[in-house]
């Protein structure tokens, strides 16, 4: 399901409860709560920040600064050390 379909589904469902003010208020409060949570998410980044991070990682890999594992045991040991 893509964003356009999700939006359509949300509006269809809002149409179902459109006559019930208390249900609309509950929906509004929940959506507001989700929006605040999303806005304050410390892991959220802009598209520009995301692609800049990828570019930095590629440059590090090209300089040989990445971590290479030759087997999964080494990888698990490294992950367990974090």
PDB file of N, CA and C in Angstrom:
ATOM      1  N   UNK A   1       0.855  -1.167   0.000  1.00  0.00           N
ATOM      2  CA  UNK A   1       0.000   0.000   0.000  1.00  0.00           C
ATOM      3  C   UNK A   1       0.904   1.234   0.000  1.00  0.00           C
ATOM      4  N   UNK A   2       0.687   2.143  -0.925  1.00  0.00           N
ATOM      5  CA  UNK A   2       1.508   3.353  -0.979  1.00  0.00           C
ATOM      6  C   UNK A   2       0.831   4.497  -0.215  1.00  0.00           C
ATOM      7  N   UNK A   3       1.521   5.618  -0.109  1.00  0.00           N
ATOM      8  CA  UNK A   3       1.031   6.744   0.691  1.00  0.00           C
ATOM      9  C   UNK A   3      -0.318   7.259   0.190  1.00  0.00           C
ATOM     10  N   UNK A   4      -0.518   7.285  -1.116  1.00  0.00           N
ATOM     11  CA  UNK A   4      -1.782   7.776  -1.667  1.00  0.00           C
ATOM     12  C   UNK A   4      -2.942   6.858  -1.252  1.00  0.00           C
ATOM     13  N   UNK A   5      -2.722   5.553  -1.303  1.00  0.00           N
ATOM     14  CA  UNK A   5      -3.757   4.606  -0.897  1.00  0.00           C
ATOM     15  C   UNK A   5      -4.038   4.703   0.608  1.00  0.00           C
ATOM     16  N   UNK A   6      -2.976   4.890   1.383  1.00  0.00           N
ATOM     17  CA  UNK A   6      -3.148   5.022   2.832  1.00  0.00           C
ATOM     18  C   UNK A   6      -3.963   6.272   3.158  1.00  0.00           C
ATOM     19  N   UNK A   7      -3.628   7.392   2.503  1.00  0.00           N
ATOM     20  CA  UNK A   7      -4.394   8.627   2.707  1.00  0.00           C
ATOM     21  C   UNK A   7      -5.862   8.425   2.358  1.00  0.00           C
ATOM     22  N   UNK A   8      -6.122   7.760   1.235  1.00  0.00           N
ATOM     23  CA  UNK A   8      -7.507   7.515   0.817  1.00  0.00           C
ATOM     24  C   UNK A   8      -8.239   6.671   1.859  1.00  0.00           C
ATOM     25  N   UNK A   9      -7.563   5.660   2.389  1.00  0.00           N
ATOM     26  CA  UNK A   9      -8.176   4.800   3.398  1.00  0.00           C
ATOM     27  C   UNK A   9      -8.477   5.581   4.683  1.00  0.00           C
ATOM     28  N   UNK A  10      -7.550   6.436   5.076  1.00  0.00           N
ATOM     29  CA  UNK A  10      -7.782   7.271   6.266  1.00  0.00           C
ATOM     30  C   UNK A  10      -9.007   8.155   6.068  1.00  0.00           C
ATOM     31  N   UNK A  11      -9.083   8.828   4.907  1.00  0.00           N
ATOM     32  CA  UNK A  11     -10.225   9.712   4.658  1.00  0.00           C
ATOM     33  C   UNK A  11     -11.535   8.939   4.540  1.00  0.00           C
ATOM     34  N   UNK A  12     -11.496   7.732   3.962  1.00  0.00           N
ATOM     35  CA  UNK A  12     -12.712   6.903   3.901  1.00  0.00           C
ATOM     36  C   UNK A  12     -13.207   6.586   5.309  1.00  0.00           C
ATOM     37  N   UNK A  13     -12.269   6.214   6.166  1.00  0.00           N
ATOM     38  CA  UNK A  13     -12.653   5.876   7.540  1.00  0.00           C
ATOM     39  C   UNK A  13     -13.112   7.096   8.331  1.00  0.00           C
ATOM     40  N   UNK A  14     -12.505   8.251   8.062  1.00  0.00           N
ATOM     41  CA  UNK A  14     -12.996   9.471   8.711  1.00  0.00           C
ATOM     42  C   UNK A  14     -14.416   9.791   8.269  1.00  0.00           C
ATOM     43  N   UNK A  15     -14.724   9.495   7.009  1.00  0.00           N
ATOM     44  CA  UNK A  15     -16.081   9.710   6.511  1.00  0.00           C
ATOM     45  C   UNK A  15     -17.100   8.864   7.262  1.00  0.00           C
ATOM     46  N   UNK A  16     -16.678   7.672   7.671  1.00  0.00           N
ATOM     47  CA  UNK A  16     -17.577   6.775   8.407  1.00  0.00           C
ATOM     48  C   UNK A  16     -17.935   7.369   9.769  1.00  0.00           C
ATOM     49  N   UNK A  17     -16.962   8.001  10.418  1.00  0.00           N
ATOM     50  CA  UNK A  17     -17.216   8.540  11.764  1.00  0.00           C
ATOM     51  C   UNK A  17     -17.523  10.037  11.747  1.00  0.00           C
ATOM     52  N   UNK A  18     -17.715  10.611  10.578  1.00  0.00           N
ATOM     53  CA  UNK A  18     -17.880  12.065  10.442  1.00  0.00           C
ATOM     54  C   UNK A  18     -19.051  12.626  11.237  1.00  0.00           C
ATOM     55  N   UNK A  19     -20.069  11.845  11.465  1.00  0.00           N
ATOM     56  CA  UNK A  19     -21.249  12.331  12.192  1.00  0.00           C
ATOM     57  C   UNK A  19     -21.097  12.225  13.705  1.00  0.00           C
ATOM     58  N   UNK A  20     -20.069  11.519  14.170  1.00  0.00           N
ATOM     59  CA  UNK A  20     -19.893  11.306  15.609  1.00  0.00           C
ATOM     60  C   UNK A  20     -18.735  12.164  16.117  1.00  0.00           C
ATOM     61  N   UNK A  21     -19.093  13.274  16.741  1.00  0.00           N
ATOM     62  CA  UNK A  21     -18.087  14.241  17.177  1.00  0.00           C
ATOM     63  C   UNK A  21     -17.084  13.642  18.151  1.00  0.00           C
ATOM     64  N   UNK A  22     -17.538  12.806  19.072  1.00  0.00           N
ATOM     65  CA  UNK A  22     -16.606  12.241  20.056  1.00  0.00           C
ATOM     66  C   UNK A  22     -15.577  11.319  19.378  1.00  0.00           C
ATOM     67  N   UNK A  23     -16.005  10.584  18.362  1.00  0.00           N
ATOM     68  CA  UNK A  23     -15.054   9.737  17.626  1.00  0.00           C
ATOM     69  C   UNK A  23     -14.054  10.588  16.842  1.00  0.00           C
ATOM     70  N   UNK A  24     -14.541  11.675  16.259  1.00  0.00           N
ATOM     71  CA  UNK A  24     -13.635  12.572  15.531  1.00  0.00           C
ATOM     72  C   UNK A  24     -12.614  13.199  16.469  1.00  0.00           C
ATOM     73  N   UNK A  25     -13.040  13.573  17.663  1.00  0.00           N
ATOM     74  CA  UNK A  25     -12.122  14.156  18.643  1.00  0.00           C
ATOM     75  C   UNK A  25     -11.060  13.141  19.032  1.00  0.00           C
ATOM     76  N   UNK A  26     -11.462  11.892  19.243  1.00  0.00           N
ATOM     77  CA  UNK A  26     -10.493  10.838  19.565  1.00  0.00           C
ATOM     78  C   UNK A  26      -9.491  10.652  18.430  1.00  0.00           C
ATOM     79  N   UNK A  27      -9.991  10.631  17.197  1.00  0.00           N
ATOM     80  CA  UNK A  27      -9.115  10.463  16.035  1.00  0.00           C
ATOM     81  C   UNK A  27      -8.144  11.643  15.928  1.00  0.00           C
ATOM     82  N   UNK A  28      -8.649  12.860  16.134  1.00  0.00           N
ATOM     83  CA  UNK A  28      -7.807  14.046  16.061  1.00  0.00           C
ATOM     84  C   UNK A  28      -6.697  13.997  17.116  1.00  0.00           C
ATOM     85  N   UNK A  29      -7.058  13.617  18.343  1.00  0.00           N
ATOM     86  CA  UNK A  29      -6.061  13.548  19.414  1.00  0.00           C
ATOM     87  C   UNK A  29      -4.996  12.508  19.109  1.00  0.00           C
ATOM     88  N   UNK A  30      -5.420  11.376  18.566  1.00  0.00           N
ATOM     89  CA  UNK A  30      -4.466  10.321  18.255  1.00  0.00           C
ATOM     90  C   UNK A  30      -3.526  10.748  17.127  1.00  0.00           C
ATOM     91  N   UNK A  31      -4.085  11.354  16.094  1.00  0.00           N
ATOM     92  CA  UNK A  31      -3.247  11.818  14.977  1.00  0.00           C
ATOM     93  C   UNK A  31      -2.289  12.906  15.451  1.00  0.00           C
ATOM     94  N   UNK A  32      -2.760  13.800  16.301  1.00  0.00           N
ATOM     95  CA  UNK A  32      -1.899  14.855  16.849  1.00  0.00           C
ATOM     96  C   UNK A  32      -0.754  14.239  17.653  1.00  0.00           C
ATOM     97  N   UNK A  33      -1.076  13.212  18.449  1.00  0.00           N
ATOM     98  CA  UNK A  33      -0.065  12.518  19.249  1.00  0.00           C
ATOM     99  C   UNK A  33       0.976  11.847  18.347  1.00  0.00           C
ATOM    100  N   UNK A  34       0.528  11.199  17.276  1.00  0.00           N
ATOM    101  CA  UNK A  34       1.453  10.578  16.326  1.00  0.00           C
ATOM    102  C   UNK A  34       2.349  11.622  15.651  1.00  0.00           C
ATOM    103  N   UNK A  35       1.760  12.744  15.291  1.00  0.00           N
ATOM    104  CA  UNK A  35       2.524  13.807  14.620  1.00  0.00           C
ATOM    105  C   UNK A  35       3.601  14.365  15.543  1.00  0.00           C
ATOM    106  N   UNK A  36       3.272  14.584  16.790  1.00  0.00           N
ATOM    107  CA  UNK A  36       4.252  15.097  17.756  1.00  0.00           C
ATOM    108  C   UNK A  36       5.389  14.103  17.953  1.00  0.00           C
ATOM    109  N   UNK A  37       5.017  12.838  18.079  1.00  0.00           N
ATOM    110  CA  UNK A  37       6.020  11.789  18.254  1.00  0.00           C
ATOM    111  C   UNK A  37       6.959  11.765  17.047  1.00  0.00           C
ATOM    112  N   UNK A  38       6.394  11.895  15.856  1.00  0.00           N
ATOM    113  CA  UNK A  38       7.180  11.866  14.620  1.00  0.00           C
ATOM    114  C   UNK A  38       8.090  13.093  14.524  1.00  0.00           C
ATOM    115  N   UNK A  39       7.556  14.266  14.859  1.00  0.00           N
ATOM    116  CA  UNK A  39       8.355  15.502  14.785  1.00  0.00           C
ATOM    117  C   UNK A  39       9.522  15.479  15.760  1.00  0.00           C
ATOM    118  N   UNK A  40       9.328  14.842  16.914  1.00  0.00           N
ATOM    119  CA  UNK A  40      10.359  14.828  17.953  1.00  0.00           C
ATOM    120  C   UNK A  40      11.238  13.588  17.915  1.00  0.00           C
ATOM    121  N   UNK A  41      11.144  12.793  16.862  1.00  0.00           N
ATOM    122  CA  UNK A  41      11.944  11.571  16.737  1.00  0.00           C
ATOM    123  C   UNK A  41      13.402  11.955  16.476  1.00  0.00           C
ATOM    124  N   UNK A  42      14.315  11.611  17.402  1.00  0.00           N
ATOM    125  CA  UNK A  42      15.721  12.001  17.229  1.00  0.00           C
ATOM    126  C   UNK A  42      16.421  11.275  16.077  1.00  0.00           C
ATOM    127  N   UNK A  43      15.832  10.181  15.587  1.00  0.00           N
ATOM    128  CA  UNK A  43      16.460   9.449  14.484  1.00  0.00           C
ATOM    129  C   UNK A  43      16.004   9.960  13.123  1.00  0.00           C
ATOM    130  N   UNK A  44      15.033  10.853  13.105  1.00  0.00           N
ATOM    131  CA  UNK A  44      14.508  11.379  11.847  1.00  0.00           C
ATOM    132  C   UNK A  44      15.521  12.324  11.214  1.00  0.00           C
ATOM    133  N   UNK A  45      15.692  12.216   9.909  1.00  0.00           N
ATOM    134  CA  UNK A  45      16.593  13.119   9.206  1.00  0.00           C
ATOM    135  C   UNK A  45      15.999  13.489   7.860  1.00  0.00           C
ATOM    136  N   UNK A  46      16.471  14.602   7.324  1.00  0.00           N
ATOM    137  CA  UNK A  46      15.986  15.050   6.021  1.00  0.00           C
ATOM    138  C   UNK A  46      16.593  14.169   4.932  1.00  0.00           C
ATOM    139  N   UNK A  47      16.038  14.277   3.747  1.00  0.00           N
ATOM    140  CA  UNK A  47      16.556  13.521   2.613  1.00  0.00           C
ATOM    141  C   UNK A  47      18.012  13.912   2.341  1.00  0.00           C
ATOM    142  N   UNK A  48      18.311  15.204   2.470  1.00  0.00           N
ATOM    143  CA  UNK A  48      19.673  15.681   2.241  1.00  0.00           C
ATOM    144  C   UNK A  48      20.644  15.089   3.265  1.00  0.00           C
ATOM    145  N   UNK A  49      20.222  15.057   4.536  1.00  0.00           N
ATOM    146  CA  UNK A  49      21.070  14.476   5.586  1.00  0.00           C
ATOM    147  C   UNK A  49      21.297  12.987   5.338  1.00  0.00           C
ATOM    148  N   UNK A  50      20.249  12.307   4.918  1.00  0.00           N
ATOM    149  CA  UNK A  50      20.337  10.878   4.653  1.00  0.00           C
ATOM    150  C   UNK A  50      21.359  10.580   3.554  1.00  0.00           C
ATOM    151  N   UNK A  51      21.255  11.297   2.429  1.00  0.00           N
ATOM    152  CA  UNK A  51      22.173  11.047   1.327  1.00  0.00           C
ATOM    153  C   UNK A  51      23.587  11.508   1.647  1.00  0.00           C
ATOM    154  N   UNK A  52      23.731  12.549   2.452  1.00  0.00           N
ATOM    155  CA  UNK A  52      25.069  12.980   2.888  1.00  0.00           C
ATOM    156  C   UNK A  52      25.712  11.894   3.741  1.00  0.00           C
ATOM    157  N   UNK A  53      24.909  11.255   4.584  1.00  0.00           N
ATOM    158  CA  UNK A  53      25.418  10.167   5.425  1.00  0.00           C
ATOM    159  C   UNK A  53      25.887   8.995   4.557  1.00  0.00           C
ATOM    160  N   UNK A  54      25.137   8.675   3.530  1.00  0.00           N
ATOM    161  CA  UNK A  54      25.534   7.609   2.601  1.00  0.00           C
ATOM    162  C   UNK A  54      26.832   7.984   1.892  1.00  0.00           C
ATOM    163  N   UNK A  55      26.931   9.235   1.446  1.00  0.00           N
ATOM    164  CA  UNK A  55      28.162   9.689   0.773  1.00  0.00           C
ATOM    165  C   UNK A  55      29.370   9.582   1.698  1.00  0.00           C
ATOM    166  N   UNK A  56      29.211   9.955   2.970  1.00  0.00           N
ATOM    167  CA  UNK A  56      30.315   9.837   3.933  1.00  0.00           C
ATOM    168  C   UNK A  56      30.719   8.379   4.134  1.00  0.00           C
ATOM    169  N   UNK A  57      29.735   7.498   4.214  1.00  0.00           N
ATOM    170  CA  UNK A  57      30.024   6.072   4.404  1.00  0.00           C
ATOM    171  C   UNK A  57      30.751   5.500   3.189  1.00  0.00           C
ATOM    172  N   UNK A  58      30.355   5.907   1.998  1.00  0.00           N
ATOM    173  CA  UNK A  58      31.042   5.433   0.779  1.00  0.00           C
ATOM    174  C   UNK A  58      32.484   5.925   0.757  1.00  0.00           C
ATOM    175  N   UNK A  59      32.675   7.182   1.133  1.00  0.00           N
ATOM    176  CA  UNK A  59      34.042   7.729   1.158  1.00  0.00           C
ATOM    177  C   UNK A  59      34.894   6.975   2.172  1.00  0.00           C
ATOM    178  N   UNK A  60      34.337   6.664   3.332  1.00  0.00           N
ATOM    179  CA  UNK A  60      35.079   5.889   4.335  1.00  0.00           C
ATOM    180  C   UNK A  60      35.446   4.519   3.784  1.00  0.00           C
ATOM    181  N   UNK A  61      34.518   3.878   3.114  1.00  0.00           N
ATOM    182  CA  UNK A  61      34.783   2.550   2.552  1.00  0.00           C
ATOM    183  C   UNK A  61      35.882   2.624   1.493  1.00  0.00           C
ATOM    184  N   UNK A  62      35.847   3.664   0.672  1.00  0.00           N
ATOM    185  CA  UNK A  62      36.873   3.831  -0.361  1.00  0.00           C
ATOM    186  C   UNK A  62      38.251   4.061   0.255  1.00  0.00           C
ATOM    187  N   UNK A  63      38.297   4.687   1.431  1.00  0.00           N
ATOM    188  CA  UNK A  63      39.570   4.907   2.119  1.00  0.00           C
ATOM    189  C   UNK A  63      39.992   3.686   2.935  1.00  0.00           C
ATOM    190  N   UNK A  64      39.167   2.642   2.923  1.00  0.00           N
ATOM    191  CA  UNK A  64      39.481   1.435   3.667  1.00  0.00           C
ATOM    192  C   UNK A  64      39.237   1.551   5.150  1.00  0.00           C
ATOM    193  N   UNK A  65      38.389   2.475   5.559  1.00  0.00           N
ATOM    194  CA  UNK A  65      38.123   2.707   6.970  1.00  0.00           C
ATOM    195  C   UNK A  65      36.955   1.878   7.507  1.00  0.00           C
ATOM    196  N   UNK A  66      36.354   1.059   6.674  1.00  0.00           N
ATOM    197  CA  UNK A  66      35.216   0.261   7.124  1.00  0.00           C
ATOM    198  C   UNK A  66      35.657  -0.971   7.883  1.00  0.00           C
ATOM    199  N   UNK A  67      34.708  -1.668   8.435  1.00  0.00           N
ATOM    200  CA  UNK A  67      34.973  -2.906   9.154  1.00  0.00           C
ATOM    201  C   UNK A  67      34.606  -4.062   8.225  1.00  0.00           C
ATOM    202  N   UNK A  68      35.523  -5.011   8.092  1.00  0.00           N
ATOM    203  CA  UNK A  68      35.291  -6.156   7.215  1.00  0.00           C
ATOM    204  C   UNK A  68      35.323  -7.428   8.052  1.00  0.00           C
ATOM    205  N   UNK A  69      34.353  -8.283   7.833  1.00  0.00           N
ATOM    206  CA  UNK A  69      34.299  -9.568   8.523  1.00  0.00           C
ATOM    207  C   UNK A  69      34.452 -10.671   7.485  1.00  0.00           C
ATOM    208  N   UNK A  70      35.249 -11.661   7.819  1.00  0.00           N
ATOM    209  CA  UNK A  70      35.426 -12.775   6.893  1.00  0.00           C
ATOM    210  C   UNK A  70      34.526 -13.948   7.252  1.00  0.00           C
ATOM    211  N   UNK A  71      33.943 -13.903   8.444  1.00  0.00           N
ATOM    212  CA  UNK A  71      33.004 -14.959   8.834  1.00  0.00           C
ATOM    213  C   UNK A  71      32.008 -14.388   9.842  1.00  0.00           C
ATOM    214  N   UNK A  72      30.918 -15.120  10.019  1.00  0.00           N
ATOM    215  CA  UNK A  72      29.856 -14.592  10.881  1.00  0.00           C
ATOM    216  C   UNK A  72      30.232 -14.610  12.362  1.00  0.00           C
ATOM    217  N   UNK A  73      31.137 -15.491  12.763  1.00  0.00           N
ATOM    218  CA  UNK A  73      31.556 -15.530  14.167  1.00  0.00           C
ATOM    219  C   UNK A  73      32.253 -14.235  14.559  1.00  0.00           C
ATOM    220  N   UNK A  74      33.140 -13.743  13.667  1.00  0.00           N
ATOM    221  CA  UNK A  74      33.819 -12.474  13.924  1.00  0.00           C
ATOM    222  C   UNK A  74      32.817 -11.326  14.004  1.00  0.00           C
ATOM    223  N   UNK A  75      31.841 -11.366  13.113  1.00  0.00           N
ATOM    224  CA  UNK A  75      30.818 -10.317  13.112  1.00  0.00           C
ATOM    225  C   UNK A  75      30.029 -10.351  14.418  1.00  0.00           C
ATOM    226  N   UNK A  76      29.619 -11.541  14.847  1.00  0.00           N
ATOM    227  CA  UNK A  76      28.855 -11.663  16.085  1.00  0.00           C
ATOM    228  C   UNK A  76      29.691 -11.221  17.294  1.00  0.00           C
ATOM    229  N   UNK A  77      30.971 -11.570  17.284  1.00  0.00           N
ATOM    230  CA  UNK A  77      31.854 -11.159  18.387  1.00  0.00           C
ATOM    231  C   UNK A  77      31.931  -9.639  18.439  1.00  0.00           C
ATOM    232  N   UNK A  78      32.053  -8.994  17.268  1.00  0.00           N
ATOM    233  CA  UNK A  78      32.128  -7.541  17.220  1.00  0.00           C
ATOM    234  C   UNK A  78      30.804  -6.926  17.715  1.00  0.00           C
ATOM    235  N   UNK A  79      29.678  -7.480  17.254  1.00  0.00           N
ATOM    236  CA  UNK A  79      28.384  -6.960  17.694  1.00  0.00           C
ATOM    237  C   UNK A  79      28.190  -7.140  19.191  1.00  0.00           C
ATOM    238  N   UNK A  80      28.608  -8.279  19.715  1.00  0.00           N
ATOM    239  CA  UNK A  80      28.474  -8.519  21.154  1.00  0.00           C
ATOM    240  C   UNK A  80      29.333  -7.576  21.986  1.00  0.00           C
ATOM    241  N   UNK A  81      30.414  -7.063  21.381  1.00  0.00           N
ATOM    242  CA  UNK A  81      31.317  -6.168  22.117  1.00  0.00           C
ATOM    243  C   UNK A  81      30.756  -4.748  22.229  1.00  0.00           C
ATOM    244  N   UNK A  82      29.722  -4.453  21.473  1.00  0.00           N
ATOM    245  CA  UNK A  82      29.155  -3.087  21.495  1.00  0.00           C
ATOM    246  C   UNK A  82      28.377  -2.816  22.765  1.00  0.00           C
TER     247      UNK A  82
END
